[in-house]
């Protein structure tokens, strides 16, 4: 795979074939090769036949990852636009020789443009992510940046930088109307969220465990605790909360859970979770982004259920 090395300078070392440890239904569908990418363990998964439905691929990749104990990278000969979008949506790594590279575990997404140029996707800054999520909750359409700035408590510089980045990414368009600047898009909220998902970051920077008695202020419910509030998922043993600063608990916080009865998880977020929260829990889109790496089928189903309700609620407001 000279493509990775030539385009991104990633050095590949091929190791052993892992077919012996995989079930027959995997071996009949794929050739699986252990590799290292700049020293990081991974497995290349080469389909032997035409790609199956995305749900089947997803389960196969999870099984391979668990067996190999390393990220699995799908390496098909080609992908349709819809297949690519589905893989991006579900954060399934893939490489199409000479065309596309998506390695989320290495923070890499590169695709061939229509003019033949290749461009690495830029990371979305936190203010742009908040603005985009607010715009989606708004129902898309048209939004004055001045209204968003007031609601999100952004400075003029922050809102200008955030809206400019979203426009540069091709996610929205902007237009000056007199002294006002307008954000607009012809995508639906769901379409825009899916198009932007590969650019957005997990809002959680770090998680610590703090004695419940030390939490003296109300913090938005987050993590699986929030997911259980939004869906039929059972409440977790350890409650999770979100904040933009954990400085006040550094003295009593621990990096690992020590007592599920006495401690709660406190997540340090990249942006203030209260800016988009409408109740006691963090907002649902940010929550989905924070949990998207969980491969548990129950969690995935609960997230899908929650997102479907988000789109229904937004459509209800627009009608």
C-alpha atoms as a PDB file:
ATOM      1  CA  UNK A   1       0.000   0.000   0.000  1.00  0.00           C
ATOM      2  CA  UNK A   2       2.322   2.727  -1.279  1.00  0.00           C
ATOM      3  CA  UNK A   3      -0.631   5.135  -1.330  1.00  0.00           C
ATOM      4  CA  UNK A   4      -0.486   5.796   2.433  1.00  0.00           C
ATOM      5  CA  UNK A   5       3.239   6.336   2.424  1.00  0.00           C
ATOM      6  CA  UNK A   6       3.275   8.457  -0.720  1.00  0.00           C
ATOM      7  CA  UNK A   7       0.402  10.760   0.274  1.00  0.00           C
ATOM      8  CA  UNK A   8       0.677  10.954   4.053  1.00  0.00           C
ATOM      9  CA  UNK A   9       4.123   9.558   4.804  1.00  0.00           C
ATOM     10  CA  UNK A  10       2.648   6.739   6.899  1.00  0.00           C
ATOM     11  CA  UNK A  11       5.044   3.778   6.999  1.00  0.00           C
ATOM     12  CA  UNK A  12       3.350   0.378   6.740  1.00  0.00           C
ATOM     13  CA  UNK A  13       4.844  -2.878   7.984  1.00  0.00           C
ATOM     14  CA  UNK A  14       2.953  -6.028   7.025  1.00  0.00           C
ATOM     15  CA  UNK A  15       2.803  -8.769   9.639  1.00  0.00           C
ATOM     16  CA  UNK A  16       1.043 -12.129   9.924  1.00  0.00           C
ATOM     17  CA  UNK A  17      -2.253 -13.272   8.429  1.00  0.00           C
ATOM     18  CA  UNK A  18      -4.856 -13.667  11.200  1.00  0.00           C
ATOM     19  CA  UNK A  19      -7.273 -16.000   9.404  1.00  0.00           C
ATOM     20  CA  UNK A  20      -6.563 -18.952  11.701  1.00  0.00           C
ATOM     21  CA  UNK A  21      -8.085 -17.175  14.693  1.00  0.00           C
ATOM     22  CA  UNK A  22     -11.177 -15.904  12.842  1.00  0.00           C
ATOM     23  CA  UNK A  23     -14.475 -17.749  12.284  1.00  0.00           C
ATOM     24  CA  UNK A  24     -15.186 -19.293   8.897  1.00  0.00           C
ATOM     25  CA  UNK A  25     -17.902 -16.779   7.967  1.00  0.00           C
ATOM     26  CA  UNK A  26     -15.266 -14.010   8.207  1.00  0.00           C
ATOM     27  CA  UNK A  27     -12.576 -15.924   6.315  1.00  0.00           C
ATOM     28  CA  UNK A  28     -14.905 -16.692   3.413  1.00  0.00           C
ATOM     29  CA  UNK A  29     -15.692 -12.993   3.029  1.00  0.00           C
ATOM     30  CA  UNK A  30     -12.379 -11.274   3.752  1.00  0.00           C
ATOM     31  CA  UNK A  31      -8.616 -11.592   3.685  1.00  0.00           C
ATOM     32  CA  UNK A  32      -7.321 -10.134   6.951  1.00  0.00           C
ATOM     33  CA  UNK A  33      -3.735  -8.899   7.294  1.00  0.00           C
ATOM     34  CA  UNK A  34      -2.031  -7.592  10.433  1.00  0.00           C
ATOM     35  CA  UNK A  35      -0.057  -4.373   9.883  1.00  0.00           C
ATOM     36  CA  UNK A  36       1.514  -1.506  11.754  1.00  0.00           C
ATOM     37  CA  UNK A  37       0.915   2.086  10.664  1.00  0.00           C
ATOM     38  CA  UNK A  38       3.777   4.219  11.936  1.00  0.00           C
ATOM     39  CA  UNK A  39       4.147   1.660  14.719  1.00  0.00           C
ATOM     40  CA  UNK A  40       0.424   1.531  15.562  1.00  0.00           C
ATOM     41  CA  UNK A  41      -1.162  -1.927  15.296  1.00  0.00           C
ATOM     42  CA  UNK A  42      -4.057  -2.353  12.872  1.00  0.00           C
ATOM     43  CA  UNK A  43      -5.534  -4.948  10.506  1.00  0.00           C
ATOM     44  CA  UNK A  44      -6.330  -4.494   6.818  1.00  0.00           C
ATOM     45  CA  UNK A  45      -9.561  -6.192   5.786  1.00  0.00           C
ATOM     46  CA  UNK A  46      -9.776  -6.989   2.056  1.00  0.00           C
ATOM     47  CA  UNK A  47     -13.274  -8.010   0.837  1.00  0.00           C
ATOM     48  CA  UNK A  48     -13.211 -11.110  -1.395  1.00  0.00           C
ATOM     49  CA  UNK A  49     -16.668 -10.391  -2.787  1.00  0.00           C
ATOM     50  CA  UNK A  50     -18.975  -7.433  -3.351  1.00  0.00           C
ATOM     51  CA  UNK A  51     -19.610  -5.449  -0.185  1.00  0.00           C
ATOM     52  CA  UNK A  52     -22.594  -6.520   1.880  1.00  0.00           C
ATOM     53  CA  UNK A  53     -25.068  -4.281   3.706  1.00  0.00           C
ATOM     54  CA  UNK A  54     -23.456  -1.775   6.061  1.00  0.00           C
ATOM     55  CA  UNK A  55     -24.969  -3.397   9.177  1.00  0.00           C
ATOM     56  CA  UNK A  56     -23.336  -6.709   8.249  1.00  0.00           C
ATOM     57  CA  UNK A  57     -19.988  -5.041   7.514  1.00  0.00           C
ATOM     58  CA  UNK A  58     -20.159  -3.234  10.833  1.00  0.00           C
ATOM     59  CA  UNK A  59     -20.641  -6.490  12.773  1.00  0.00           C
ATOM     60  CA  UNK A  60     -17.858  -8.194  10.814  1.00  0.00           C
ATOM     61  CA  UNK A  61     -15.420  -5.351  11.511  1.00  0.00           C
ATOM     62  CA  UNK A  62     -16.250  -5.398  15.236  1.00  0.00           C
ATOM     63  CA  UNK A  63     -15.621  -9.150  15.348  1.00  0.00           C
ATOM     64  CA  UNK A  64     -12.283  -8.750  13.562  1.00  0.00           C
ATOM     65  CA  UNK A  65     -11.222  -5.896  15.860  1.00  0.00           C
ATOM     66  CA  UNK A  66     -12.024  -7.919  18.971  1.00  0.00           C
ATOM     67  CA  UNK A  67     -10.094 -10.924  17.677  1.00  0.00           C
ATOM     68  CA  UNK A  68      -7.068  -8.914  16.528  1.00  0.00           C
ATOM     69  CA  UNK A  69      -7.271  -6.419  19.421  1.00  0.00           C
ATOM     70  CA  UNK A  70      -6.530  -3.627  16.937  1.00  0.00           C
ATOM     71  CA  UNK A  71      -8.471  -1.229  14.683  1.00  0.00           C
ATOM     72  CA  UNK A  72      -9.821  -2.909  11.539  1.00  0.00           C
ATOM     73  CA  UNK A  73      -9.491  -0.996   8.252  1.00  0.00           C
ATOM     74  CA  UNK A  74     -11.700  -1.963   5.315  1.00  0.00           C
ATOM     75  CA  UNK A  75      -9.741  -1.979   2.021  1.00  0.00           C
ATOM     76  CA  UNK A  76     -12.222  -2.389  -0.876  1.00  0.00           C
ATOM     77  CA  UNK A  77     -11.356  -1.922  -4.553  1.00  0.00           C
ATOM     78  CA  UNK A  78     -13.969   0.808  -4.811  1.00  0.00           C
ATOM     79  CA  UNK A  79     -16.809   2.468  -2.919  1.00  0.00           C
ATOM     80  CA  UNK A  80     -20.010   4.102  -4.083  1.00  0.00           C
ATOM     81  CA  UNK A  81     -20.814   7.536  -2.685  1.00  0.00           C
ATOM     82  CA  UNK A  82     -23.560   6.077  -0.473  1.00  0.00           C
ATOM     83  CA  UNK A  83     -21.308   3.291   0.830  1.00  0.00           C
ATOM     84  CA  UNK A  84     -18.678   5.874   1.713  1.00  0.00           C
ATOM     85  CA  UNK A  85     -21.237   8.006   3.551  1.00  0.00           C
ATOM     86  CA  UNK A  86     -22.475   4.986   5.518  1.00  0.00           C
ATOM     87  CA  UNK A  87     -18.926   4.035   6.507  1.00  0.00           C
ATOM     88  CA  UNK A  88     -18.211   7.615   7.612  1.00  0.00           C
ATOM     89  CA  UNK A  89     -21.470   7.723   9.529  1.00  0.00           C
ATOM     90  CA  UNK A  90     -20.556   4.603  11.496  1.00  0.00           C
ATOM     91  CA  UNK A  91     -16.876   5.579  11.883  1.00  0.00           C
ATOM     92  CA  UNK A  92     -15.649   2.462  10.065  1.00  0.00           C
ATOM     93  CA  UNK A  93     -12.049   3.017   8.872  1.00  0.00           C
ATOM     94  CA  UNK A  94     -11.413   2.440   5.167  1.00  0.00           C
ATOM     95  CA  UNK A  95      -8.873   2.955   2.399  1.00  0.00           C
ATOM     96  CA  UNK A  96      -9.585   2.995  -1.327  1.00  0.00           C
ATOM     97  CA  UNK A  97      -6.262   2.881  -3.143  1.00  0.00           C
ATOM     98  CA  UNK A  98      -5.531   6.199  -4.854  1.00  0.00           C
ATOM     99  CA  UNK A  99      -8.821   7.801  -3.818  1.00  0.00           C
ATOM    100  CA  UNK A 100      -9.820   7.900  -0.156  1.00  0.00           C
ATOM    101  CA  UNK A 101      -8.358   7.362   3.287  1.00  0.00           C
ATOM    102  CA  UNK A 102     -10.416   7.416   6.490  1.00  0.00           C
ATOM    103  CA  UNK A 103      -8.510   6.390   9.636  1.00  0.00           C
ATOM    104  CA  UNK A 104     -10.345   7.977  12.599  1.00  0.00           C
ATOM    105  CA  UNK A 105      -8.054   6.222  15.121  1.00  0.00           C
ATOM    106  CA  UNK A 106      -5.189   8.251  13.558  1.00  0.00           C
ATOM    107  CA  UNK A 107      -7.287  11.402  13.002  1.00  0.00           C
ATOM    108  CA  UNK A 108      -6.933  11.110   9.209  1.00  0.00           C
ATOM    109  CA  UNK A 109      -9.574  11.723   6.547  1.00  0.00           C
ATOM    110  CA  UNK A 110      -8.466  12.367   2.992  1.00  0.00           C
ATOM    111  CA  UNK A 111     -10.419  12.173  -0.248  1.00  0.00           C
ATOM    112  CA  UNK A 112      -9.775  12.862  -3.908  1.00  0.00           C
ATOM    113  CA  UNK A 113     -11.482  16.002  -5.150  1.00  0.00           C
ATOM    114  CA  UNK A 114     -13.065  16.378  -8.565  1.00  0.00           C
ATOM    115  CA  UNK A 115     -10.107  18.326  -9.882  1.00  0.00           C
ATOM    116  CA  UNK A 116      -7.721  15.591  -8.818  1.00  0.00           C
ATOM    117  CA  UNK A 117      -6.375  17.449  -5.798  1.00  0.00           C
ATOM    118  CA  UNK A 118      -6.241  15.721  -2.451  1.00  0.00           C
ATOM    119  CA  UNK A 119      -7.053  17.573   0.703  1.00  0.00           C
ATOM    120  CA  UNK A 120      -6.980  16.495   4.331  1.00  0.00           C
ATOM    121  CA  UNK A 121     -10.103  17.390   6.290  1.00  0.00           C
ATOM    122  CA  UNK A 122      -9.509  20.121   8.838  1.00  0.00           C
ATOM    123  CA  UNK A 123     -10.559  19.645  12.450  1.00  0.00           C
ATOM    124  CA  UNK A 124     -13.631  21.599  13.448  1.00  0.00           C
ATOM    125  CA  UNK A 125     -12.890  24.120  16.181  1.00  0.00           C
ATOM    126  CA  UNK A 126     -15.163  23.896  19.267  1.00  0.00           C
ATOM    127  CA  UNK A 127     -16.959  27.184  18.520  1.00  0.00           C
ATOM    128  CA  UNK A 128     -17.739  26.000  14.973  1.00  0.00           C
ATOM    129  CA  UNK A 129     -19.070  22.706  16.327  1.00  0.00           C
ATOM    130  CA  UNK A 130     -21.349  24.483  18.793  1.00  0.00           C
ATOM    131  CA  UNK A 131     -22.566  26.853  16.083  1.00  0.00           C
ATOM    132  CA  UNK A 132     -23.276  24.007  13.666  1.00  0.00           C
ATOM    133  CA  UNK A 133     -25.185  22.004  16.279  1.00  0.00           C
ATOM    134  CA  UNK A 134     -27.170  25.100  17.240  1.00  0.00           C
ATOM    135  CA  UNK A 135     -27.949  25.697  13.551  1.00  0.00           C
ATOM    136  CA  UNK A 136     -29.139  22.088  13.197  1.00  0.00           C
ATOM    137  CA  UNK A 137     -31.361  22.400  16.268  1.00  0.00           C
ATOM    138  CA  UNK A 138     -32.636  25.629  14.717  1.00  0.00           C
ATOM    139  CA  UNK A 139     -33.905  23.515  11.822  1.00  0.00           C
ATOM    140  CA  UNK A 140     -31.313  24.720   9.287  1.00  0.00           C
ATOM    141  CA  UNK A 141     -32.802  27.165   6.759  1.00  0.00           C
ATOM    142  CA  UNK A 142     -31.527  30.688   7.480  1.00  0.00           C
ATOM    143  CA  UNK A 143     -29.915  31.921  10.683  1.00  0.00           C
ATOM    144  CA  UNK A 144     -28.555  35.356  11.549  1.00  0.00           C
ATOM    145  CA  UNK A 145     -25.105  35.058  13.088  1.00  0.00           C
ATOM    146  CA  UNK A 146     -26.018  37.928  15.418  1.00  0.00           C
ATOM    147  CA  UNK A 147     -28.883  35.845  16.854  1.00  0.00           C
ATOM    148  CA  UNK A 148     -26.625  32.813  17.259  1.00  0.00           C
ATOM    149  CA  UNK A 149     -23.919  34.954  18.855  1.00  0.00           C
ATOM    150  CA  UNK A 150     -26.347  36.296  21.433  1.00  0.00           C
ATOM    151  CA  UNK A 151     -27.779  32.866  22.233  1.00  0.00           C
ATOM    152  CA  UNK A 152     -24.383  31.162  22.475  1.00  0.00           C
ATOM    153  CA  UNK A 153     -22.646  34.106  24.187  1.00  0.00           C
ATOM    154  CA  UNK A 154     -20.001  34.376  21.469  1.00  0.00           C
ATOM    155  CA  UNK A 155     -17.903  37.419  20.728  1.00  0.00           C
ATOM    156  CA  UNK A 156     -18.069  38.914  17.244  1.00  0.00           C
ATOM    157  CA  UNK A 157     -14.647  37.416  16.518  1.00  0.00           C
ATOM    158  CA  UNK A 158     -15.676  33.938  17.695  1.00  0.00           C
ATOM    159  CA  UNK A 159     -18.890  33.821  15.662  1.00  0.00           C
ATOM    160  CA  UNK A 160     -17.102  35.154  12.573  1.00  0.00           C
ATOM    161  CA  UNK A 161     -14.333  32.563  12.829  1.00  0.00           C
ATOM    162  CA  UNK A 162     -16.788  29.718  13.474  1.00  0.00           C
ATOM    163  CA  UNK A 163     -19.111  30.589  10.583  1.00  0.00           C
ATOM    164  CA  UNK A 164     -16.153  31.091   8.244  1.00  0.00           C
ATOM    165  CA  UNK A 165     -14.789  27.624   9.012  1.00  0.00           C
ATOM    166  CA  UNK A 166     -18.170  25.979   8.435  1.00  0.00           C
ATOM    167  CA  UNK A 167     -18.390  27.731   5.071  1.00  0.00           C
ATOM    168  CA  UNK A 168     -14.841  26.707   4.140  1.00  0.00           C
ATOM    169  CA  UNK A 169     -15.745  23.105   4.913  1.00  0.00           C
ATOM    170  CA  UNK A 170     -18.675  23.358   2.522  1.00  0.00           C
ATOM    171  CA  UNK A 171     -21.198  22.563   5.254  1.00  0.00           C
ATOM    172  CA  UNK A 172     -23.061  25.884   5.078  1.00  0.00           C
ATOM    173  CA  UNK A 173     -23.109  29.036   2.992  1.00  0.00           C
ATOM    174  CA  UNK A 174     -22.937  32.579   4.279  1.00  0.00           C
ATOM    175  CA  UNK A 175     -24.181  35.850   2.862  1.00  0.00           C
ATOM    176  CA  UNK A 176     -23.994  39.495   3.879  1.00  0.00           C
ATOM    177  CA  UNK A 177     -27.327  41.302   3.960  1.00  0.00           C
ATOM    178  CA  UNK A 178     -26.670  44.869   4.884  1.00  0.00           C
ATOM    179  CA  UNK A 179     -24.945  44.786   8.242  1.00  0.00           C
ATOM    180  CA  UNK A 180     -26.203  41.280   8.940  1.00  0.00           C
ATOM    181  CA  UNK A 181     -24.528  37.968   8.102  1.00  0.00           C
ATOM    182  CA  UNK A 182     -26.755  34.981   7.329  1.00  0.00           C
ATOM    183  CA  UNK A 183     -25.940  31.272   7.495  1.00  0.00           C
ATOM    184  CA  UNK A 184     -27.988  29.005   5.235  1.00  0.00           C
ATOM    185  CA  UNK A 185     -28.038  25.519   3.745  1.00  0.00           C
ATOM    186  CA  UNK A 186     -30.350  23.464   1.573  1.00  0.00           C
ATOM    187  CA  UNK A 187     -29.639  20.307   3.592  1.00  0.00           C
ATOM    188  CA  UNK A 188     -32.059  18.892   6.128  1.00  0.00           C
ATOM    189  CA  UNK A 189     -30.880  18.779   9.780  1.00  0.00           C
ATOM    190  CA  UNK A 190     -30.195  15.052   9.532  1.00  0.00           C
ATOM    191  CA  UNK A 191     -28.341  15.379   6.219  1.00  0.00           C
ATOM    192  CA  UNK A 192     -26.194  18.195   7.570  1.00  0.00           C
ATOM    193  CA  UNK A 193     -25.343  16.301  10.756  1.00  0.00           C
ATOM    194  CA  UNK A 194     -24.297  13.234   8.777  1.00  0.00           C
ATOM    195  CA  UNK A 195     -22.246  15.341   6.347  1.00  0.00           C
ATOM    196  CA  UNK A 196     -20.465  17.072   9.228  1.00  0.00           C
ATOM    197  CA  UNK A 197     -19.989  14.079  11.514  1.00  0.00           C
ATOM    198  CA  UNK A 198     -16.521  13.142  10.264  1.00  0.00           C
ATOM    199  CA  UNK A 199     -15.303  16.709  10.926  1.00  0.00           C
ATOM    200  CA  UNK A 200     -16.688  16.955  14.462  1.00  0.00           C
ATOM    201  CA  UNK A 201     -14.869  15.896  17.607  1.00  0.00           C
ATOM    202  CA  UNK A 202     -15.879  13.969  20.662  1.00  0.00           C
ATOM    203  CA  UNK A 203     -16.734  16.811  23.061  1.00  0.00           C
ATOM    204  CA  UNK A 204     -15.098  14.951  25.962  1.00  0.00           C
ATOM    205  CA  UNK A 205     -11.444  15.765  26.548  1.00  0.00           C
ATOM    206  CA  UNK A 206     -10.985  13.854  29.787  1.00  0.00           C
ATOM    207  CA  UNK A 207     -12.988  11.998  32.442  1.00  0.00           C
ATOM    208  CA  UNK A 208     -12.219  11.930  36.159  1.00  0.00           C
ATOM    209  CA  UNK A 209     -14.017  10.377  39.118  1.00  0.00           C
ATOM    210  CA  UNK A 210     -15.028  12.668  41.950  1.00  0.00           C
ATOM    211  CA  UNK A 211     -16.656  11.941  45.339  1.00  0.00           C
ATOM    212  CA  UNK A 212     -20.336  12.803  45.091  1.00  0.00           C
ATOM    213  CA  UNK A 213     -20.089  14.874  48.262  1.00  0.00           C
ATOM    214  CA  UNK A 214     -17.593  17.188  46.513  1.00  0.00           C
ATOM    215  CA  UNK A 215     -20.062  18.145  43.727  1.00  0.00           C
ATOM    216  CA  UNK A 216     -21.463  21.343  45.183  1.00  0.00           C
ATOM    217  CA  UNK A 217     -23.148  22.700  42.035  1.00  0.00           C
ATOM    218  CA  UNK A 218     -25.558  21.444  39.424  1.00  0.00           C
ATOM    219  CA  UNK A 219     -23.803  19.934  36.417  1.00  0.00           C
ATOM    220  CA  UNK A 220     -25.592  18.654  33.301  1.00  0.00           C
ATOM    221  CA  UNK A 221     -26.166  14.901  33.256  1.00  0.00           C
ATOM    222  CA  UNK A 222     -24.052  13.263  30.534  1.00  0.00           C
ATOM    223  CA  UNK A 223     -22.781   9.935  29.212  1.00  0.00           C
ATOM    224  CA  UNK A 224     -24.843   6.789  29.698  1.00  0.00           C
ATOM    225  CA  UNK A 225     -26.760   8.553  32.463  1.00  0.00           C
ATOM    226  CA  UNK A 226     -28.100  11.081  29.940  1.00  0.00           C
ATOM    227  CA  UNK A 227     -28.704   8.375  27.334  1.00  0.00           C
ATOM    228  CA  UNK A 228     -30.853   6.499  29.846  1.00  0.00           C
ATOM    229  CA  UNK A 229     -32.879   9.694  30.366  1.00  0.00           C
ATOM    230  CA  UNK A 230     -33.479  10.126  26.639  1.00  0.00           C
ATOM    231  CA  UNK A 231     -34.172   6.447  25.869  1.00  0.00           C
ATOM    232  CA  UNK A 232     -35.302   3.175  27.477  1.00  0.00           C
ATOM    233  CA  UNK A 233     -31.705   2.220  28.303  1.00  0.00           C
ATOM    234  CA  UNK A 234     -31.181   1.219  31.942  1.00  0.00           C
ATOM    235  CA  UNK A 235     -29.382   3.709  34.164  1.00  0.00           C
ATOM    236  CA  UNK A 236     -25.665   2.964  34.645  1.00  0.00           C
ATOM    237  CA  UNK A 237     -24.128   2.178  38.018  1.00  0.00           C
ATOM    238  CA  UNK A 238     -21.984   5.319  37.865  1.00  0.00           C
ATOM    239  CA  UNK A 239     -23.610   8.671  37.156  1.00  0.00           C
ATOM    240  CA  UNK A 240     -21.904  11.012  34.656  1.00  0.00           C
ATOM    241  CA  UNK A 241     -21.812  14.814  34.658  1.00  0.00           C
ATOM    242  CA  UNK A 242     -20.302  17.324  32.206  1.00  0.00           C
ATOM    243  CA  UNK A 243     -18.379  20.539  32.829  1.00  0.00           C
ATOM    244  CA  UNK A 244     -15.887  22.913  31.177  1.00  0.00           C
ATOM    245  CA  UNK A 245     -13.475  22.923  34.120  1.00  0.00           C
ATOM    246  CA  UNK A 246     -12.384  20.295  36.624  1.00  0.00           C
ATOM    247  CA  UNK A 247      -9.831  22.504  38.379  1.00  0.00           C
ATOM    248  CA  UNK A 248     -11.826  22.630  41.608  1.00  0.00           C
ATOM    249  CA  UNK A 249     -11.751  18.811  41.936  1.00  0.00           C
ATOM    250  CA  UNK A 250      -8.129  18.156  40.977  1.00  0.00           C
ATOM    251  CA  UNK A 251      -7.241  17.536  44.629  1.00  0.00           C
ATOM    252  CA  UNK A 252      -9.904  14.864  45.190  1.00  0.00           C
ATOM    253  CA  UNK A 253     -10.343  13.459  41.670  1.00  0.00           C
ATOM    254  CA  UNK A 254      -8.960  10.124  40.501  1.00  0.00           C
ATOM    255  CA  UNK A 255      -8.259   8.911  36.986  1.00  0.00           C
ATOM    256  CA  UNK A 256      -9.938   5.568  37.667  1.00  0.00           C
ATOM    257  CA  UNK A 257     -13.192   4.555  39.301  1.00  0.00           C
ATOM    258  CA  UNK A 258     -12.546   3.414  42.859  1.00  0.00           C
ATOM    259  CA  UNK A 259     -16.026   3.232  44.367  1.00  0.00           C
ATOM    260  CA  UNK A 260     -19.188   3.215  42.221  1.00  0.00           C
ATOM    261  CA  UNK A 261     -21.365   4.104  45.204  1.00  0.00           C
ATOM    262  CA  UNK A 262     -19.349   7.102  46.395  1.00  0.00           C
ATOM    263  CA  UNK A 263     -17.991   8.539  43.125  1.00  0.00           C
ATOM    264  CA  UNK A 264     -19.472   9.971  39.956  1.00  0.00           C
ATOM    265  CA  UNK A 265     -17.819  10.500  36.579  1.00  0.00           C
ATOM    266  CA  UNK A 266     -17.089  14.129  35.678  1.00  0.00           C
ATOM    267  CA  UNK A 267     -16.375  14.759  32.001  1.00  0.00           C
ATOM    268  CA  UNK A 268     -14.230  17.713  30.961  1.00  0.00           C
ATOM    269  CA  UNK A 269     -15.816  19.050  27.752  1.00  0.00           C
ATOM    270  CA  UNK A 270     -14.240  21.032  24.904  1.00  0.00           C
ATOM    271  CA  UNK A 271     -17.134  23.483  25.070  1.00  0.00           C
ATOM    272  CA  UNK A 272     -19.687  24.501  27.669  1.00  0.00           C
ATOM    273  CA  UNK A 273     -22.383  21.783  27.599  1.00  0.00           C
ATOM    274  CA  UNK A 274     -24.926  24.249  28.966  1.00  0.00           C
ATOM    275  CA  UNK A 275     -24.849  26.332  25.780  1.00  0.00           C
ATOM    276  CA  UNK A 276     -26.909  23.731  23.898  1.00  0.00           C
ATOM    277  CA  UNK A 277     -28.661  22.016  26.794  1.00  0.00           C
ATOM    278  CA  UNK A 278     -32.375  22.636  27.196  1.00  0.00           C
ATOM    279  CA  UNK A 279     -32.821  20.716  30.434  1.00  0.00           C
ATOM    280  CA  UNK A 280     -30.946  18.732  33.060  1.00  0.00           C
ATOM    281  CA  UNK A 281     -29.026  16.677  30.478  1.00  0.00           C
ATOM    282  CA  UNK A 282     -26.439  17.596  27.851  1.00  0.00           C
ATOM    283  CA  UNK A 283     -27.908  18.087  24.374  1.00  0.00           C
ATOM    284  CA  UNK A 284     -28.634  14.956  22.361  1.00  0.00           C
ATOM    285  CA  UNK A 285     -26.389  15.589  19.350  1.00  0.00           C
ATOM    286  CA  UNK A 286     -23.337  16.296  21.510  1.00  0.00           C
ATOM    287  CA  UNK A 287     -24.208  13.212  23.550  1.00  0.00           C
ATOM    288  CA  UNK A 288     -24.318  11.098  20.379  1.00  0.00           C
ATOM    289  CA  UNK A 289     -20.885  12.414  19.387  1.00  0.00           C
ATOM    290  CA  UNK A 290     -19.494  11.614  22.833  1.00  0.00           C
ATOM    291  CA  UNK A 291     -20.693   7.997  22.646  1.00  0.00           C
ATOM    292  CA  UNK A 292     -20.136   7.229  18.957  1.00  0.00           C
ATOM    293  CA  UNK A 293     -17.057   5.102  19.682  1.00  0.00           C
ATOM    294  CA  UNK A 294     -19.043   2.601  21.755  1.00  0.00           C
ATOM    295  CA  UNK A 295     -19.575  -0.606  19.736  1.00  0.00           C
ATOM    296  CA  UNK A 296     -22.090  -2.140  22.173  1.00  0.00           C
ATOM    297  CA  UNK A 297     -25.211  -2.911  20.103  1.00  0.00           C
ATOM    298  CA  UNK A 298     -27.527  -1.781  22.911  1.00  0.00           C
ATOM    299  CA  UNK A 299     -25.792   1.599  23.061  1.00  0.00           C
ATOM    300  CA  UNK A 300     -25.824   1.969  19.268  1.00  0.00           C
ATOM    301  CA  UNK A 301     -29.536   1.175  19.126  1.00  0.00           C
ATOM    302  CA  UNK A 302     -30.267   3.651  21.929  1.00  0.00           C
ATOM    303  CA  UNK A 303     -28.277   6.375  20.136  1.00  0.00           C
ATOM    304  CA  UNK A 304     -30.177   5.706  16.888  1.00  0.00           C
ATOM    305  CA  UNK A 305     -33.464   5.853  18.790  1.00  0.00           C
ATOM    306  CA  UNK A 306     -32.445   9.153  20.366  1.00  0.00           C
ATOM    307  CA  UNK A 307     -31.352  10.686  17.058  1.00  0.00           C
ATOM    308  CA  UNK A 308     -34.552   9.640  15.317  1.00  0.00           C
ATOM    309  CA  UNK A 309     -36.459  11.497  18.028  1.00  0.00           C
ATOM    310  CA  UNK A 310     -34.207  14.551  17.519  1.00  0.00           C
ATOM    311  CA  UNK A 311     -35.111  14.699  13.818  1.00  0.00           C
ATOM    312  CA  UNK A 312     -38.818  14.270  14.618  1.00  0.00           C
ATOM    313  CA  UNK A 313     -38.681  17.056  17.201  1.00  0.00           C
ATOM    314  CA  UNK A 314     -36.885  19.418  14.813  1.00  0.00           C
ATOM    315  CA  UNK A 315     -39.311  18.637  11.973  1.00  0.00           C
ATOM    316  CA  UNK A 316     -42.199  19.261  14.365  1.00  0.00           C
ATOM    317  CA  UNK A 317     -40.893  22.743  15.150  1.00  0.00           C
ATOM    318  CA  UNK A 318     -40.417  23.559  11.454  1.00  0.00           C
ATOM    319  CA  UNK A 319     -43.949  22.500  10.468  1.00  0.00           C
END
